Amino acid sequence: MTLPLLTYPLSSQNQRVEGYEIFGDEQPRIYTMDNLPKGAEVDEVIWAAYRQIFNEQQILQYHRQVGLESQLRSHQITIREFIRGLILSDSFRRLAYECNSNYRFVEPCIQRVLGRNVYGNREKLSLSILLATRGIKGFVDALLNSDEYQTNFGDATVPYQRRRILPQRSQGELPFARTPRYDQYYLSQQQSLGQWRSYSNGVSDRSAAVYRRVLFAVPTISVAVLVATIIFVAAPK
């Protein structure tokens, strides 16, 4: 039996405040498939979707979903279905779901899919129970099929952080584009899944020592070659 959702109050965040919008450089750019874009315009929409779900720190060629991109380009699926495919992909599951607890996984999903911050710990607890009972697919379907998502983004618009800047404020909310929470649980999960290796001396990246050797060796070799060239040229024939 599926547990009912816990009720929680809706706090008055920016996206719930009514006001007259004056669009400018600080307002989010809206990427949509409503006007049937082609070529480079579709590439921009796809890139915006990757940037919204994976964040720029996690966008790699390895994580591209070529099949979903092809379906979107040929208009076989909508943006909403493309977003669903990205969240349910193996890459997103490894980067965000498997390395976090249900309670911590809910927050970045709300930020990236609904374009707002969580209303509080009560909402995170409620949705973490939904995630535990219905699984990640049921959880994602609940977000994408919600009235809040349909009203703000519909089927053709890439989600974005809604109303981050208010005209009457000198400073708006910080962007949600951040990497997952790096706490001890996240680190232990990465180690258990083989995504993070630790060494006996505590150093996980030895590239700095290699760079120092290269920076020392290159000028030394260059000077040696220069001296040898001068001696060869100045030597009597």
C-alpha atoms as a PDB file:
ATOM      1  CA  MET A   1       0.000   0.000   0.000  1.00  0.00           C
ATOM      2  CA  THR A   2       1.365   3.414  -0.981  1.00  0.00           C
ATOM      3  CA  LEU A   3       1.742   5.833   1.902  1.00  0.00           C
ATOM      4  CA  PRO A   4      -0.053   9.178   1.498  1.00  0.00           C
ATOM      5  CA  LEU A   5       2.071  12.299   1.188  1.00  0.00           C
ATOM      6  CA  LEU A   6       2.780  14.228   4.354  1.00  0.00           C
ATOM      7  CA  THR A   7       1.303  17.700   4.318  1.00  0.00           C
ATOM      8  CA  TYR A   8       3.623  20.686   4.503  1.00  0.00           C
ATOM      9  CA  PRO A   9       3.144  24.488   4.402  1.00  0.00           C
ATOM     10  CA  LEU A  10       4.057  26.416   1.260  1.00  0.00           C
ATOM     11  CA  SER A  11       6.495  29.123   2.311  1.00  0.00           C
ATOM     12  CA  SER A  12       6.469  32.454   0.476  1.00  0.00           C
ATOM     13  CA  GLN A  13       9.533  32.155  -1.737  1.00  0.00           C
ATOM     14  CA  ASN A  14      10.333  34.315  -4.738  1.00  0.00           C
ATOM     15  CA  GLN A  15       8.499  32.135  -7.238  1.00  0.00           C
ATOM     16  CA  ARG A  16       5.268  32.529  -5.216  1.00  0.00           C
ATOM     17  CA  VAL A  17       5.440  36.326  -4.993  1.00  0.00           C
ATOM     18  CA  GLU A  18       3.339  38.168  -7.545  1.00  0.00           C
ATOM     19  CA  GLY A  19       4.838  41.195  -9.211  1.00  0.00           C
ATOM     20  CA  TYR A  20       5.418  43.031 -12.462  1.00  0.00           C
ATOM     21  CA  GLU A  21       8.339  41.464 -14.303  1.00  0.00           C
ATOM     22  CA  ILE A  22      10.869  43.705 -16.058  1.00  0.00           C
ATOM     23  CA  PHE A  23      12.982  41.377 -18.159  1.00  0.00           C
ATOM     24  CA  GLY A  24      16.688  42.091 -18.408  1.00  0.00           C
ATOM     25  CA  ASP A  25      20.094  40.439 -18.408  1.00  0.00           C
ATOM     26  CA  GLU A  26      19.563  39.035 -14.905  1.00  0.00           C
ATOM     27  CA  GLN A  27      16.345  37.249 -15.852  1.00  0.00           C
ATOM     28  CA  PRO A  28      16.646  33.595 -16.928  1.00  0.00           C
ATOM     29  CA  ARG A  29      16.666  32.851 -20.632  1.00  0.00           C
ATOM     30  CA  ILE A  30      13.808  30.571 -21.584  1.00  0.00           C
ATOM     31  CA  TYR A  31      14.574  27.673 -23.932  1.00  0.00           C
ATOM     32  CA  THR A  32      11.541  26.136 -25.591  1.00  0.00           C
ATOM     33  CA  MET A  33      10.549  23.915 -28.499  1.00  0.00           C
ATOM     34  CA  ASP A  34       7.262  25.771 -29.095  1.00  0.00           C
ATOM     35  CA  ASN A  35       8.463  27.436 -32.298  1.00  0.00           C
ATOM     36  CA  LEU A  36       9.941  24.209 -33.703  1.00  0.00           C
ATOM     37  CA  PRO A  37      13.601  25.291 -33.703  1.00  0.00           C
ATOM     38  CA  LYS A  38      16.092  23.651 -36.036  1.00  0.00           C
ATOM     39  CA  GLY A  39      19.826  23.045 -36.235  1.00  0.00           C
ATOM     40  CA  ALA A  40      21.856  25.213 -33.870  1.00  0.00           C
ATOM     41  CA  GLU A  41      18.717  26.368 -32.041  1.00  0.00           C
ATOM     42  CA  VAL A  42      17.922  22.780 -31.065  1.00  0.00           C
ATOM     43  CA  ASP A  43      21.520  22.348 -29.899  1.00  0.00           C
ATOM     44  CA  GLU A  44      21.051  25.311 -27.547  1.00  0.00           C
ATOM     45  CA  VAL A  45      17.857  23.804 -26.131  1.00  0.00           C
ATOM     46  CA  ILE A  46      19.550  20.438 -25.582  1.00  0.00           C
ATOM     47  CA  TRP A  47      22.564  22.080 -23.934  1.00  0.00           C
ATOM     48  CA  ALA A  48      20.246  24.063 -21.639  1.00  0.00           C
ATOM     49  CA  ALA A  49      18.527  20.844 -20.572  1.00  0.00           C
ATOM     50  CA  TYR A  50      21.851  19.145 -19.785  1.00  0.00           C
ATOM     51  CA  ARG A  51      23.022  22.229 -17.896  1.00  0.00           C
ATOM     52  CA  GLN A  52      19.810  22.329 -15.858  1.00  0.00           C
ATOM     53  CA  ILE A  53      19.791  18.646 -14.868  1.00  0.00           C
ATOM     54  CA  PHE A  54      23.473  17.705 -14.692  1.00  0.00           C
ATOM     55  CA  ASN A  55      24.912  21.169 -13.939  1.00  0.00           C
ATOM     56  CA  GLU A  56      28.013  22.418 -15.729  1.00  0.00           C
ATOM     57  CA  GLN A  57      30.362  20.623 -13.294  1.00  0.00           C
ATOM     58  CA  GLN A  58      28.991  17.247 -14.407  1.00  0.00           C
ATOM     59  CA  ILE A  59      28.496  17.766 -18.152  1.00  0.00           C
ATOM     60  CA  LEU A  60      30.855  15.436 -20.004  1.00  0.00           C
ATOM     61  CA  GLN A  61      30.743  13.840 -23.433  1.00  0.00           C
ATOM     62  CA  TYR A  62      30.477  10.491 -21.661  1.00  0.00           C
ATOM     63  CA  HIS A  63      27.119  11.441 -20.100  1.00  0.00           C
ATOM     64  CA  ARG A  64      25.394  12.425 -23.346  1.00  0.00           C
ATOM     65  CA  GLN A  65      22.159  10.585 -24.119  1.00  0.00           C
ATOM     66  CA  VAL A  66      22.444  10.360 -27.907  1.00  0.00           C
ATOM     67  CA  GLY A  67      19.248   8.357 -28.350  1.00  0.00           C
ATOM     68  CA  LEU A  68      17.162  10.894 -26.449  1.00  0.00           C
ATOM     69  CA  GLU A  69      18.760  13.759 -28.375  1.00  0.00           C
ATOM     70  CA  SER A  70      17.875  12.097 -31.677  1.00  0.00           C
ATOM     71  CA  GLN A  71      14.255  11.622 -30.610  1.00  0.00           C
ATOM     72  CA  LEU A  72      14.011  15.261 -29.514  1.00  0.00           C
ATOM     73  CA  ARG A  73      15.531  16.553 -32.762  1.00  0.00           C
ATOM     74  CA  SER A  74      12.963  14.590 -34.781  1.00  0.00           C
ATOM     75  CA  HIS A  75      10.158  15.781 -32.458  1.00  0.00           C
ATOM     76  CA  GLN A  76       9.300  12.247 -31.359  1.00  0.00           C
ATOM     77  CA  ILE A  77       9.443  13.289 -27.689  1.00  0.00           C
ATOM     78  CA  THR A  78       8.783  16.524 -25.828  1.00  0.00           C
ATOM     79  CA  ILE A  79      11.125  18.487 -23.589  1.00  0.00           C
ATOM     80  CA  ARG A  80       9.339  17.071 -20.558  1.00  0.00           C
ATOM     81  CA  GLU A  81      10.025  13.521 -21.754  1.00  0.00           C
ATOM     82  CA  PHE A  82      13.628  14.502 -22.531  1.00  0.00           C
ATOM     83  CA  ILE A  83      14.038  15.790 -18.955  1.00  0.00           C
ATOM     84  CA  ARG A  84      12.555  12.544 -17.638  1.00  0.00           C
ATOM     85  CA  GLY A  85      15.049  10.545 -19.700  1.00  0.00           C
ATOM     86  CA  LEU A  86      18.003  12.568 -18.390  1.00  0.00           C
ATOM     87  CA  ILE A  87      17.012  12.077 -14.750  1.00  0.00           C
ATOM     88  CA  LEU A  88      16.396   8.347 -15.226  1.00  0.00           C
ATOM     89  CA  SER A  89      19.651   7.847 -17.147  1.00  0.00           C
ATOM     90  CA  ASP A  90      22.431   5.698 -15.693  1.00  0.00           C
ATOM     91  CA  SER A  91      24.747   8.713 -15.539  1.00  0.00           C
ATOM     92  CA  PHE A  92      22.409  10.803 -13.379  1.00  0.00           C
ATOM     93  CA  ARG A  93      21.638   7.791 -11.228  1.00  0.00           C
ATOM     94  CA  ARG A  94      25.346   7.304 -10.487  1.00  0.00           C
ATOM     95  CA  LEU A  95      26.163  10.988 -10.025  1.00  0.00           C
ATOM     96  CA  ALA A  96      23.220  12.068  -7.881  1.00  0.00           C
ATOM     97  CA  TYR A  97      21.002   9.173  -6.760  1.00  0.00           C
ATOM     98  CA  GLU A  98      23.300   6.337  -5.727  1.00  0.00           C
ATOM     99  CA  CYS A  99      25.693   8.660  -3.864  1.00  0.00           C
ATOM    100  CA  ASN A 100      22.993  10.400  -1.801  1.00  0.00           C
ATOM    101  CA  SER A 101      20.356   9.367   0.679  1.00  0.00           C
ATOM    102  CA  ASN A 102      16.724   9.793  -0.356  1.00  0.00           C
ATOM    103  CA  TYR A 103      16.425  12.802   1.942  1.00  0.00           C
ATOM    104  CA  ARG A 104      19.354  14.599   0.293  1.00  0.00           C
ATOM    105  CA  PHE A 105      18.467  13.513  -3.240  1.00  0.00           C
ATOM    106  CA  VAL A 106      15.085  15.252  -3.074  1.00  0.00           C
ATOM    107  CA  GLU A 107      16.491  18.782  -2.725  1.00  0.00           C
ATOM    108  CA  PRO A 108      18.537  18.999  -5.985  1.00  0.00           C
ATOM    109  CA  CYS A 109      15.674  17.339  -7.877  1.00  0.00           C
ATOM    110  CA  ILE A 110      13.203  19.978  -6.682  1.00  0.00           C
ATOM    111  CA  GLN A 111      15.670  22.720  -7.606  1.00  0.00           C
ATOM    112  CA  ARG A 112      16.488  21.348 -11.060  1.00  0.00           C
ATOM    113  CA  VAL A 113      13.046  20.080 -12.083  1.00  0.00           C
ATOM    114  CA  LEU A 114      10.626  22.552 -10.457  1.00  0.00           C
ATOM    115  CA  GLY A 115      12.996  25.528 -10.519  1.00  0.00           C
ATOM    116  CA  ARG A 116      12.616  26.477  -6.860  1.00  0.00           C
ATOM    117  CA  ASN A 117      14.053  25.670  -3.473  1.00  0.00           C
ATOM    118  CA  VAL A 118      12.385  23.202  -1.137  1.00  0.00           C
ATOM    119  CA  TYR A 119       9.767  24.625   1.193  1.00  0.00           C
ATOM    120  CA  GLY A 120      11.488  23.114   4.201  1.00  0.00           C
ATOM    121  CA  ASN A 121      12.447  19.882   5.917  1.00  0.00           C
ATOM    122  CA  ARG A 122       8.809  18.791   5.935  1.00  0.00           C
ATOM    123  CA  GLU A 123       8.646  18.753   2.143  1.00  0.00           C
ATOM    124  CA  LYS A 124      11.977  16.931   1.882  1.00  0.00           C
ATOM    125  CA  LEU A 125      10.714  14.303   4.326  1.00  0.00           C
ATOM    126  CA  SER A 126       7.431  13.949   2.461  1.00  0.00           C
ATOM    127  CA  LEU A 127       9.076  13.501  -0.939  1.00  0.00           C
ATOM    128  CA  SER A 128      11.778  11.196   0.429  1.00  0.00           C
ATOM    129  CA  ILE A 129       8.983   8.884   1.621  1.00  0.00           C
ATOM    130  CA  LEU A 130       7.467   9.091  -1.875  1.00  0.00           C
ATOM    131  CA  LEU A 131      10.857   8.191  -3.356  1.00  0.00           C
ATOM    132  CA  ALA A 132      11.229   5.230  -0.992  1.00  0.00           C
ATOM    133  CA  THR A 133       7.760   3.830  -1.712  1.00  0.00           C
ATOM    134  CA  ARG A 134       7.465   4.440  -5.467  1.00  0.00           C
ATOM    135  CA  GLY A 135      11.118   4.335  -6.524  1.00  0.00           C
ATOM    136  CA  ILE A 136      12.983   6.898  -8.574  1.00  0.00           C
ATOM    137  CA  LYS A 137      10.726   6.473 -11.624  1.00  0.00           C
ATOM    138  CA  GLY A 138       7.561   7.083  -9.620  1.00  0.00           C
ATOM    139  CA  PHE A 139       9.202  10.034  -7.882  1.00  0.00           C
ATOM    140  CA  VAL A 140      10.254  11.649 -11.184  1.00  0.00           C
ATOM    141  CA  ASP A 141       6.810  11.049 -12.698  1.00  0.00           C
ATOM    142  CA  ALA A 142       5.205  12.730  -9.684  1.00  0.00           C
ATOM    143  CA  LEU A 143       7.346  15.837 -10.189  1.00  0.00           C
ATOM    144  CA  LEU A 144       6.898  16.057 -13.966  1.00  0.00           C
ATOM    145  CA  ASN A 145       3.151  15.324 -13.833  1.00  0.00           C
ATOM    146  CA  SER A 146       2.510  17.818 -11.031  1.00  0.00           C
ATOM    147  CA  ASP A 147       0.343  20.883 -11.602  1.00  0.00           C
ATOM    148  CA  GLU A 148       3.286  23.069 -10.577  1.00  0.00           C
ATOM    149  CA  TYR A 149       5.497  21.729 -13.371  1.00  0.00           C
ATOM    150  CA  GLN A 150       2.740  21.789 -15.993  1.00  0.00           C
ATOM    151  CA  THR A 151       1.744  25.357 -15.117  1.00  0.00           C
ATOM    152  CA  ASN A 152       5.259  26.784 -15.201  1.00  0.00           C
ATOM    153  CA  PHE A 153       7.024  24.739 -17.899  1.00  0.00           C
ATOM    154  CA  GLY A 154       4.523  22.526 -19.716  1.00  0.00           C
ATOM    155  CA  ASP A 155       5.730  20.045 -22.314  1.00  0.00           C
ATOM    156  CA  ALA A 156       7.980  22.295 -24.381  1.00  0.00           C
ATOM    157  CA  THR A 157      10.038  24.471 -21.976  1.00  0.00           C
ATOM    158  CA  VAL A 158      13.316  23.570 -20.263  1.00  0.00           C
ATOM    159  CA  PRO A 159      13.008  24.119 -16.477  1.00  0.00           C
ATOM    160  CA  TYR A 160      14.872  27.087 -15.015  1.00  0.00           C
ATOM    161  CA  GLN A 161      15.242  28.797 -11.659  1.00  0.00           C
ATOM    162  CA  ARG A 162      12.085  30.855 -11.372  1.00  0.00           C
ATOM    163  CA  ARG A 163      12.214  34.470 -10.230  1.00  0.00           C
ATOM    164  CA  ARG A 164      15.724  34.400  -8.773  1.00  0.00           C
ATOM    165  CA  ILE A 165      15.864  38.189  -9.017  1.00  0.00           C
ATOM    166  CA  LEU A 166      13.108  40.460  -7.671  1.00  0.00           C
ATOM    167  CA  PRO A 167      13.064  44.098  -8.902  1.00  0.00           C
ATOM    168  CA  GLN A 168      12.794  45.525  -5.383  1.00  0.00           C
ATOM    169  CA  ARG A 169      15.815  43.560  -4.090  1.00  0.00           C
ATOM    170  CA  SER A 170      19.434  44.581  -4.452  1.00  0.00           C
ATOM    171  CA  GLN A 171      20.571  40.940  -4.386  1.00  0.00           C
ATOM    172  CA  GLY A 172      18.671  37.858  -5.498  1.00  0.00           C
ATOM    173  CA  GLU A 173      18.821  34.210  -4.544  1.00  0.00           C
ATOM    174  CA  LEU A 174      21.959  32.213  -5.269  1.00  0.00           C
ATOM    175  CA  PRO A 175      21.804  29.951  -8.350  1.00  0.00           C
ATOM    176  CA  PHE A 176      20.871  26.320  -7.719  1.00  0.00           C
ATOM    177  CA  ALA A 177      23.602  25.068 -10.089  1.00  0.00           C
ATOM    178  CA  ARG A 178      25.726  23.328  -7.490  1.00  0.00           C
ATOM    179  CA  THR A 179      27.235  19.881  -7.168  1.00  0.00           C
ATOM    180  CA  PRO A 180      25.645  17.308  -4.817  1.00  0.00           C
ATOM    181  CA  ARG A 181      26.239  17.634  -1.092  1.00  0.00           C
ATOM    182  CA  TYR A 182      29.724  16.406  -0.176  1.00  0.00           C
ATOM    183  CA  ASP A 183      29.306  15.037   3.317  1.00  0.00           C
ATOM    184  CA  GLN A 184      30.770  11.912   4.880  1.00  0.00           C
ATOM    185  CA  TYR A 185      27.877   9.758   3.666  1.00  0.00           C
ATOM    186  CA  TYR A 186      28.343  10.974   0.079  1.00  0.00           C
ATOM    187  CA  LEU A 187      32.091  10.266   0.272  1.00  0.00           C
ATOM    188  CA  SER A 188      31.572   6.781   1.707  1.00  0.00           C
ATOM    189  CA  GLN A 189      29.043   5.989  -1.026  1.00  0.00           C
ATOM    190  CA  GLN A 190      31.467   7.099  -3.732  1.00  0.00           C
ATOM    191  CA  GLN A 191      34.198   4.920  -2.229  1.00  0.00           C
ATOM    192  CA  SER A 192      31.911   1.885  -1.973  1.00  0.00           C
ATOM    193  CA  LEU A 193      30.785   2.328  -5.590  1.00  0.00           C
ATOM    194  CA  GLY A 194      34.371   2.694  -6.834  1.00  0.00           C
ATOM    195  CA  GLN A 195      33.882   6.307  -7.958  1.00  0.00           C
ATOM    196  CA  TRP A 196      36.501   7.635  -5.522  1.00  0.00           C
ATOM    197  CA  ARG A 197      39.877   6.104  -4.677  1.00  0.00           C
ATOM    198  CA  SER A 198      41.866   6.980  -1.563  1.00  0.00           C
ATOM    199  CA  TYR A 199      45.592   6.377  -1.081  1.00  0.00           C
ATOM    200  CA  SER A 200      47.534   5.499   2.044  1.00  0.00           C
ATOM    201  CA  ASN A 201      48.980   9.006   2.422  1.00  0.00           C
ATOM    202  CA  GLY A 202      45.586  10.632   1.898  1.00  0.00           C
ATOM    203  CA  VAL A 203      46.439  12.064  -1.516  1.00  0.00           C
ATOM    204  CA  SER A 204      43.923  11.227  -4.251  1.00  0.00           C
ATOM    205  CA  ASP A 205      45.439  13.375  -7.016  1.00  0.00           C
ATOM    206  CA  ARG A 206      49.155  13.041  -7.773  1.00  0.00           C
ATOM    207  CA  SER A 207      49.122  15.261 -10.839  1.00  0.00           C
ATOM    208  CA  ALA A 208      50.653  18.236  -8.976  1.00  0.00           C
ATOM    209  CA  ALA A 209      53.959  16.390  -8.477  1.00  0.00           C
ATOM    210  CA  VAL A 210      54.065  15.472 -12.160  1.00  0.00           C
ATOM    211  CA  TYR A 211      53.414  19.078 -13.171  1.00  0.00           C
ATOM    212  CA  ARG A 212      56.274  20.289 -10.943  1.00  0.00           C
ATOM    213  CA  ARG A 213      58.701  17.840 -12.560  1.00  0.00           C
ATOM    214  CA  VAL A 214      57.615  18.922 -16.037  1.00  0.00           C
ATOM    215  CA  LEU A 215      57.918  22.628 -15.199  1.00  0.00           C
ATOM    216  CA  PHE A 216      61.426  22.009 -13.888  1.00  0.00           C
ATOM    217  CA  ALA A 217      62.529  19.703 -16.701  1.00  0.00           C
ATOM    218  CA  VAL A 218      61.365  21.785 -19.690  1.00  0.00           C
ATOM    219  CA  PRO A 219      63.457  24.927 -19.002  1.00  0.00           C
ATOM    220  CA  THR A 220      66.452  22.811 -17.934  1.00  0.00           C
ATOM    221  CA  ILE A 221      66.403  20.845 -21.185  1.00  0.00           C
ATOM    222  CA  SER A 222      65.867  24.052 -23.190  1.00  0.00           C
ATOM    223  CA  VAL A 223      68.913  25.715 -21.619  1.00  0.00           C
ATOM    224  CA  ALA A 224      71.021  22.610 -22.204  1.00  0.00           C
ATOM    225  CA  VAL A 225      70.015  22.472 -25.877  1.00  0.00           C
ATOM    226  CA  LEU A 226      70.753  26.194 -26.277  1.00  0.00           C
ATOM    227  CA  VAL A 227      74.240  25.837 -24.748  1.00  0.00           C
ATOM    228  CA  ALA A 228      75.010  22.813 -26.910  1.00  0.00           C
ATOM    229  CA  THR A 229      73.914  24.722 -30.014  1.00  0.00           C
ATOM    230  CA  ILE A 230      76.135  27.715 -29.157  1.00  0.00           C
ATOM    231  CA  ILE A 231      79.145  25.444 -28.553  1.00  0.00           C
ATOM    232  CA  PHE A 232      78.527  23.608 -31.837  1.00  0.00           C
ATOM    233  CA  VAL A 233      78.247  26.865 -33.808  1.00  0.00           C
ATOM    234  CA  ALA A 234      81.267  28.528 -32.118  1.00  0.00           C
ATOM    235  CA  ALA A 235      83.524  25.503 -32.436  1.00  0.00           C
ATOM    236  CA  PRO A 236      86.268  25.880 -35.105  1.00  0.00           C
ATOM    237  CA  LYS A 237      85.656  24.012 -38.333  1.00  0.00           C
END
